Amino acid sequence: LTIPLTLAFALVWLITGFSRKTVR
């Protein structure tokens, strides 16, 4: 199970989905 890779990808995608730096 690629747990670390999946978590990292999903979190980066989630974080970069916000435009405001404070929210990121």
PDB file of all heavy atoms in Angstrom:
ATOM      1  N   LEU A   1       0.844  -1.191   0.000  1.00  0.00           N
ATOM      2  CA  LEU A   1       0.000   0.000   0.000  1.00  0.00           C
ATOM      3  C   LEU A   1       0.883   1.247   0.000  1.00  0.00           C
ATOM      4  O   LEU A   1       1.739   1.407   0.861  1.00  0.00           O
ATOM      5  CB  LEU A   1      -0.916   0.008   1.231  1.00  0.00           C
ATOM      6  CG  LEU A   1      -1.871  -1.177   1.370  1.00  0.00           C
ATOM      7  CD1 LEU A   1      -2.593  -1.119   2.708  1.00  0.00           C
ATOM      8  CD2 LEU A   1      -2.867  -1.195   0.223  1.00  0.00           C
ATOM      9  N   THR A   2       0.676   2.102  -0.969  1.00  0.00           N
ATOM     10  CA  THR A   2       1.508   3.307  -1.089  1.00  0.00           C
ATOM     11  C   THR A   2       0.959   4.428  -0.206  1.00  0.00           C
ATOM     12  O   THR A   2       0.599   5.510  -0.692  1.00  0.00           O
ATOM     13  CB  THR A   2       1.573   3.765  -2.554  1.00  0.00           C
ATOM     14  OG1 THR A   2       0.248   4.025  -3.012  1.00  0.00           O
ATOM     15  CG2 THR A   2       2.225   2.705  -3.425  1.00  0.00           C
ATOM     16  N   ILE A   3       0.924   4.179   1.083  1.00  0.00           N
ATOM     17  CA  ILE A   3       0.315   5.137   2.014  1.00  0.00           C
ATOM     18  C   ILE A   3       1.077   6.462   2.068  1.00  0.00           C
ATOM     19  O   ILE A   3       0.462   7.531   1.910  1.00  0.00           O
ATOM     20  CB  ILE A   3       0.186   4.510   3.415  1.00  0.00           C
ATOM     21  CG1 ILE A   3      -0.762   3.311   3.352  1.00  0.00           C
ATOM     22  CG2 ILE A   3      -0.317   5.536   4.432  1.00  0.00           C
ATOM     23  CD1 ILE A   3      -0.911   2.565   4.656  1.00  0.00           C
ATOM     24  N   PRO A   4       2.396   6.470   2.286  1.00  0.00           N
ATOM     25  CA  PRO A   4       3.102   7.770   2.346  1.00  0.00           C
ATOM     26  C   PRO A   4       2.959   8.577   1.055  1.00  0.00           C
ATOM     27  O   PRO A   4       2.718   9.790   1.094  1.00  0.00           O
ATOM     28  CB  PRO A   4       4.564   7.360   2.586  1.00  0.00           C
ATOM     29  CG  PRO A   4       4.479   5.999   3.198  1.00  0.00           C
ATOM     30  CD  PRO A   4       3.306   5.350   2.548  1.00  0.00           C
ATOM     31  N   LEU A   5       3.101   7.899  -0.085  1.00  0.00           N
ATOM     32  CA  LEU A   5       2.999   8.589  -1.374  1.00  0.00           C
ATOM     33  C   LEU A   5       1.596   9.163  -1.577  1.00  0.00           C
ATOM     34  O   LEU A   5       1.433  10.312  -2.001  1.00  0.00           O
ATOM     35  CB  LEU A   5       3.340   7.624  -2.508  1.00  0.00           C
ATOM     36  CG  LEU A   5       3.232   8.185  -3.929  1.00  0.00           C
ATOM     37  CD1 LEU A   5       4.222   9.324  -4.122  1.00  0.00           C
ATOM     38  CD2 LEU A   5       3.477   7.082  -4.949  1.00  0.00           C
ATOM     39  N   THR A   6       0.580   8.379  -1.249  1.00  0.00           N
ATOM     40  CA  THR A   6      -0.804   8.832  -1.436  1.00  0.00           C
ATOM     41  C   THR A   6      -1.124  10.000  -0.523  1.00  0.00           C
ATOM     42  O   THR A   6      -1.754  10.987  -0.937  1.00  0.00           O
ATOM     43  CB  THR A   6      -1.782   7.671  -1.160  1.00  0.00           C
ATOM     44  OG1 THR A   6      -1.460   6.565  -2.008  1.00  0.00           O
ATOM     45  CG2 THR A   6      -3.216   8.092  -1.411  1.00  0.00           C
ATOM     46  N   LEU A   7      -0.698   9.916   0.745  1.00  0.00           N
ATOM     47  CA  LEU A   7      -0.935  11.014   1.685  1.00  0.00           C
ATOM     48  C   LEU A   7      -0.236  12.285   1.224  1.00  0.00           C
ATOM     49  O   LEU A   7      -0.820  13.378   1.247  1.00  0.00           O
ATOM     50  CB  LEU A   7      -0.448  10.631   3.082  1.00  0.00           C
ATOM     51  CG  LEU A   7      -1.300   9.640   3.873  1.00  0.00           C
ATOM     52  CD1 LEU A   7      -0.637   9.307   5.199  1.00  0.00           C
ATOM     53  CD2 LEU A   7      -2.689  10.214   4.128  1.00  0.00           C
ATOM     54  N   ALA A   8       1.029  12.138   0.817  1.00  0.00           N
ATOM     55  CA  ALA A   8       1.796  13.308   0.401  1.00  0.00           C
ATOM     56  C   ALA A   8       1.145  13.974  -0.810  1.00  0.00           C
ATOM     57  O   ALA A   8       0.996  15.207  -0.855  1.00  0.00           O
ATOM     58  CB  ALA A   8       3.227  12.894   0.075  1.00  0.00           C
ATOM     59  N   PHE A   9       0.762  13.154  -1.788  1.00  0.00           N
ATOM     60  CA  PHE A   9       0.155  13.707  -3.006  1.00  0.00           C
ATOM     61  C   PHE A   9      -1.159  14.410  -2.685  1.00  0.00           C
ATOM     62  O   PHE A   9      -1.414  15.528  -3.154  1.00  0.00           O
ATOM     63  CB  PHE A   9      -0.076  12.589  -4.012  1.00  0.00           C
ATOM     64  CG  PHE A   9      -0.543  13.090  -5.352  1.00  0.00           C
ATOM     65  CD1 PHE A   9       0.363  13.468  -6.327  1.00  0.00           C
ATOM     66  CD2 PHE A   9      -1.906  13.205  -5.633  1.00  0.00           C
ATOM     67  CE1 PHE A   9      -0.066  13.950  -7.555  1.00  0.00           C
ATOM     68  CE2 PHE A   9      -2.339  13.682  -6.853  1.00  0.00           C
ATOM     69  CZ  PHE A   9      -1.422  14.052  -7.818  1.00  0.00           C
ATOM     70  N   ALA A  10      -2.003  13.757  -1.894  1.00  0.00           N
ATOM     71  CA  ALA A  10      -3.312  14.337  -1.581  1.00  0.00           C
ATOM     72  C   ALA A  10      -3.175  15.630  -0.776  1.00  0.00           C
ATOM     73  O   ALA A  10      -3.892  16.609  -1.031  1.00  0.00           O
ATOM     74  CB  ALA A  10      -4.150  13.324  -0.805  1.00  0.00           C
ATOM     75  N   LEU A  11      -2.237  15.660   0.166  1.00  0.00           N
ATOM     76  CA  LEU A  11      -2.070  16.857   0.997  1.00  0.00           C
ATOM     77  C   LEU A  11      -1.504  18.020   0.192  1.00  0.00           C
ATOM     78  O   LEU A  11      -1.945  19.157   0.356  1.00  0.00           O
ATOM     79  CB  LEU A  11      -1.152  16.531   2.188  1.00  0.00           C
ATOM     80  CG  LEU A  11      -1.765  15.636   3.262  1.00  0.00           C
ATOM     81  CD1 LEU A  11      -0.738  15.285   4.325  1.00  0.00           C
ATOM     82  CD2 LEU A  11      -2.970  16.323   3.911  1.00  0.00           C
ATOM     83  N   VAL A  12      -0.525  17.724  -0.661  1.00  0.00           N
ATOM     84  CA  VAL A  12       0.024  18.797  -1.509  1.00  0.00           C
ATOM     85  C   VAL A  12      -1.061  19.342  -2.424  1.00  0.00           C
ATOM     86  O   VAL A  12      -1.173  20.564  -2.625  1.00  0.00           O
ATOM     87  CB  VAL A  12       1.218  18.275  -2.331  1.00  0.00           C
ATOM     88  CG1 VAL A  12       1.628  19.294  -3.399  1.00  0.00           C
ATOM     89  CG2 VAL A  12       2.388  17.975  -1.417  1.00  0.00           C
ATOM     90  N   TRP A  13      -1.851  18.450  -2.979  1.00  0.00           N
ATOM     91  CA  TRP A  13      -2.943  18.877  -3.848  1.00  0.00           C
ATOM     92  C   TRP A  13      -3.967  19.718  -3.078  1.00  0.00           C
ATOM     93  O   TRP A  13      -4.459  20.735  -3.573  1.00  0.00           O
ATOM     94  CB  TRP A  13      -3.616  17.650  -4.436  1.00  0.00           C
ATOM     95  CG  TRP A  13      -4.268  17.913  -5.766  1.00  0.00           C
ATOM     96  CD1 TRP A  13      -4.524  19.111  -6.342  1.00  0.00           C
ATOM     97  CD2 TRP A  13      -4.711  16.924  -6.693  1.00  0.00           C
ATOM     98  NE1 TRP A  13      -5.120  18.949  -7.562  1.00  0.00           N
ATOM     99  CE2 TRP A  13      -5.250  17.613  -7.812  1.00  0.00           C
ATOM    100  CE3 TRP A  13      -4.715  15.544  -6.698  1.00  0.00           C
ATOM    101  CZ2 TRP A  13      -5.782  16.953  -8.905  1.00  0.00           C
ATOM    102  CZ3 TRP A  13      -5.248  14.882  -7.792  1.00  0.00           C
ATOM    103  CH2 TRP A  13      -5.768  15.579  -8.886  1.00  0.00           C
ATOM    104  N   LEU A  14      -4.258  19.289  -1.857  1.00  0.00           N
ATOM    105  CA  LEU A  14      -5.223  20.018  -1.036  1.00  0.00           C
ATOM    106  C   LEU A  14      -4.695  21.400  -0.670  1.00  0.00           C
ATOM    107  O   LEU A  14      -5.415  22.405  -0.772  1.00  0.00           O
ATOM    108  CB  LEU A  14      -5.511  19.219   0.235  1.00  0.00           C
ATOM    109  CG  LEU A  14      -6.457  19.869   1.257  1.00  0.00           C
ATOM    110  CD1 LEU A  14      -7.853  20.022   0.667  1.00  0.00           C
ATOM    111  CD2 LEU A  14      -6.509  19.036   2.532  1.00  0.00           C
ATOM    112  N   ILE A  15      -3.421  21.452  -0.263  1.00  0.00           N
ATOM    113  CA  ILE A  15      -2.833  22.719   0.179  1.00  0.00           C
ATOM    114  C   ILE A  15      -2.721  23.710  -0.969  1.00  0.00           C
ATOM    115  O   ILE A  15      -3.070  24.892  -0.834  1.00  0.00           O
ATOM    116  CB  ILE A  15      -1.451  22.474   0.817  1.00  0.00           C
ATOM    117  CG1 ILE A  15      -1.624  21.696   2.137  1.00  0.00           C
ATOM    118  CG2 ILE A  15      -0.717  23.787   1.072  1.00  0.00           C
ATOM    119  CD1 ILE A  15      -0.334  21.165   2.704  1.00  0.00           C
ATOM    120  N   THR A  16      -2.219  23.246  -2.113  1.00  0.00           N
ATOM    121  CA  THR A  16      -2.044  24.152  -3.262  1.00  0.00           C
ATOM    122  C   THR A  16      -3.373  24.555  -3.899  1.00  0.00           C
ATOM    123  O   THR A  16      -3.416  25.432  -4.756  1.00  0.00           O
ATOM    124  CB  THR A  16      -1.154  23.496  -4.331  1.00  0.00           C
ATOM    125  OG1 THR A  16      -1.721  22.221  -4.713  1.00  0.00           O
ATOM    126  CG2 THR A  16       0.255  23.285  -3.809  1.00  0.00           C
ATOM    127  N   GLY A  17      -4.441  23.909  -3.478  1.00  0.00           N
ATOM    128  CA  GLY A  17      -5.759  24.258  -4.013  1.00  0.00           C
ATOM    129  C   GLY A  17      -6.283  25.567  -3.453  1.00  0.00           C
ATOM    130  O   GLY A  17      -7.226  26.155  -4.007  1.00  0.00           O
ATOM    131  N   PHE A  18      -5.681  26.045  -2.353  1.00  0.00           N
ATOM    132  CA  PHE A  18      -6.094  27.333  -1.770  1.00  0.00           C
ATOM    133  C   PHE A  18      -5.218  28.445  -2.328  1.00  0.00           C
ATOM    134  O   PHE A  18      -4.009  28.287  -2.502  1.00  0.00           O
ATOM    135  CB  PHE A  18      -5.973  27.284  -0.248  1.00  0.00           C
ATOM    136  CG  PHE A  18      -6.868  26.258   0.403  1.00  0.00           C
ATOM    137  CD1 PHE A  18      -6.342  25.067   0.897  1.00  0.00           C
ATOM    138  CD2 PHE A  18      -8.233  26.479   0.518  1.00  0.00           C
ATOM    139  CE1 PHE A  18      -7.154  24.121   1.492  1.00  0.00           C
ATOM    140  CE2 PHE A  18      -9.052  25.535   1.112  1.00  0.00           C
ATOM    141  CZ  PHE A  18      -8.519  24.352   1.601  1.00  0.00           C
ATOM    142  N   SER A  19      -5.823  29.578  -2.572  1.00  0.00           N
ATOM    143  CA  SER A  19      -5.088  30.705  -3.157  1.00  0.00           C
ATOM    144  C   SER A  19      -4.392  31.559  -2.091  1.00  0.00           C
ATOM    145  O   SER A  19      -3.305  32.082  -2.324  1.00  0.00           O
ATOM    146  CB  SER A  19      -6.034  31.579  -3.981  1.00  0.00           C
ATOM    147  OG  SER A  19      -7.114  32.042  -3.174  1.00  0.00           O
ATOM    148  N   ARG A  20      -4.990  31.682  -0.919  1.00  0.00           N
ATOM    149  CA  ARG A  20      -4.416  32.518   0.132  1.00  0.00           C
ATOM    150  C   ARG A  20      -3.300  31.776   0.873  1.00  0.00           C
ATOM    151  O   ARG A  20      -3.453  30.619   1.266  1.00  0.00           O
ATOM    152  CB  ARG A  20      -5.504  32.947   1.110  1.00  0.00           C
ATOM    153  CG  ARG A  20      -6.589  33.808   0.477  1.00  0.00           C
ATOM    154  CD  ARG A  20      -7.632  34.229   1.485  1.00  0.00           C
ATOM    155  NE  ARG A  20      -7.047  34.998   2.582  1.00  0.00           N
ATOM    156  CZ  ARG A  20      -7.739  35.475   3.617  1.00  0.00           C
ATOM    157  NH1 ARG A  20      -9.051  35.252   3.683  1.00  0.00           N
ATOM    158  NH2 ARG A  20      -7.141  36.176   4.553  1.00  0.00           N
ATOM    159  N   LYS A  21      -2.190  32.469   1.074  1.00  0.00           N
ATOM    160  CA  LYS A  21      -1.033  31.848   1.728  1.00  0.00           C
ATOM    161  C   LYS A  21      -1.317  31.467   3.184  1.00  0.00           C
ATOM    162  O   LYS A  21      -0.823  30.464   3.678  1.00  0.00           O
ATOM    163  CB  LYS A  21       0.170  32.796   1.668  1.00  0.00           C
ATOM    164  CG  LYS A  21       0.706  33.001   0.257  1.00  0.00           C
ATOM    165  CD  LYS A  21       1.942  33.894   0.278  1.00  0.00           C
ATOM    166  CE  LYS A  21       2.511  34.059  -1.126  1.00  0.00           C
ATOM    167  NZ  LYS A  21       3.726  34.931  -1.126  1.00  0.00           N
ATOM    168  N   THR A  22      -2.120  32.278   3.853  1.00  0.00           N
ATOM    169  CA  THR A  22      -2.421  31.988   5.254  1.00  0.00           C
ATOM    170  C   THR A  22      -3.234  30.702   5.379  1.00  0.00           C
ATOM    171  O   THR A  22      -3.022  29.908   6.292  1.00  0.00           O
ATOM    172  CB  THR A  22      -3.206  33.158   5.880  1.00  0.00           C
ATOM    173  OG1 THR A  22      -4.360  33.451   5.062  1.00  0.00           O
ATOM    174  CG2 THR A  22      -2.334  34.384   6.004  1.00  0.00           C
ATOM    175  N   VAL A  23      -4.155  30.503   4.452  1.00  0.00           N
ATOM    176  CA  VAL A  23      -4.974  29.291   4.464  1.00  0.00           C
ATOM    177  C   VAL A  23      -4.096  28.078   4.143  1.00  0.00           C
ATOM    178  O   VAL A  23      -4.239  27.019   4.747  1.00  0.00           O
ATOM    179  CB  VAL A  23      -6.137  29.387   3.464  1.00  0.00           C
ATOM    180  CG1 VAL A  23      -6.938  28.092   3.442  1.00  0.00           C
ATOM    181  CG2 VAL A  23      -7.027  30.554   3.828  1.00  0.00           C
ATOM    182  N   ARG A  24      -3.170  28.242   3.201  1.00  0.00           N
ATOM    183  CA  ARG A  24      -2.255  27.158   2.863  1.00  0.00           C
ATOM    184  C   ARG A  24      -1.404  26.757   4.072  1.00  0.00           C
ATOM    185  O   ARG A  24      -1.233  25.574   4.373  1.00  0.00           O
ATOM    186  CB  ARG A  24      -1.337  27.579   1.708  1.00  0.00           C
ATOM    187  CG  ARG A  24      -2.010  27.660   0.350  1.00  0.00           C
ATOM    188  CD  ARG A  24      -0.977  27.962  -0.717  1.00  0.00           C
ATOM    189  NE  ARG A  24      -1.562  27.971  -2.052  1.00  0.00           N
ATOM    190  CZ  ARG A  24      -0.861  28.121  -3.166  1.00  0.00           C
ATOM    191  NH1 ARG A  24       0.456  28.308  -3.102  1.00  0.00           N
ATOM    192  NH2 ARG A  24      -1.458  28.104  -4.348  1.00  0.00           N
TER     193      ARG A  24
END
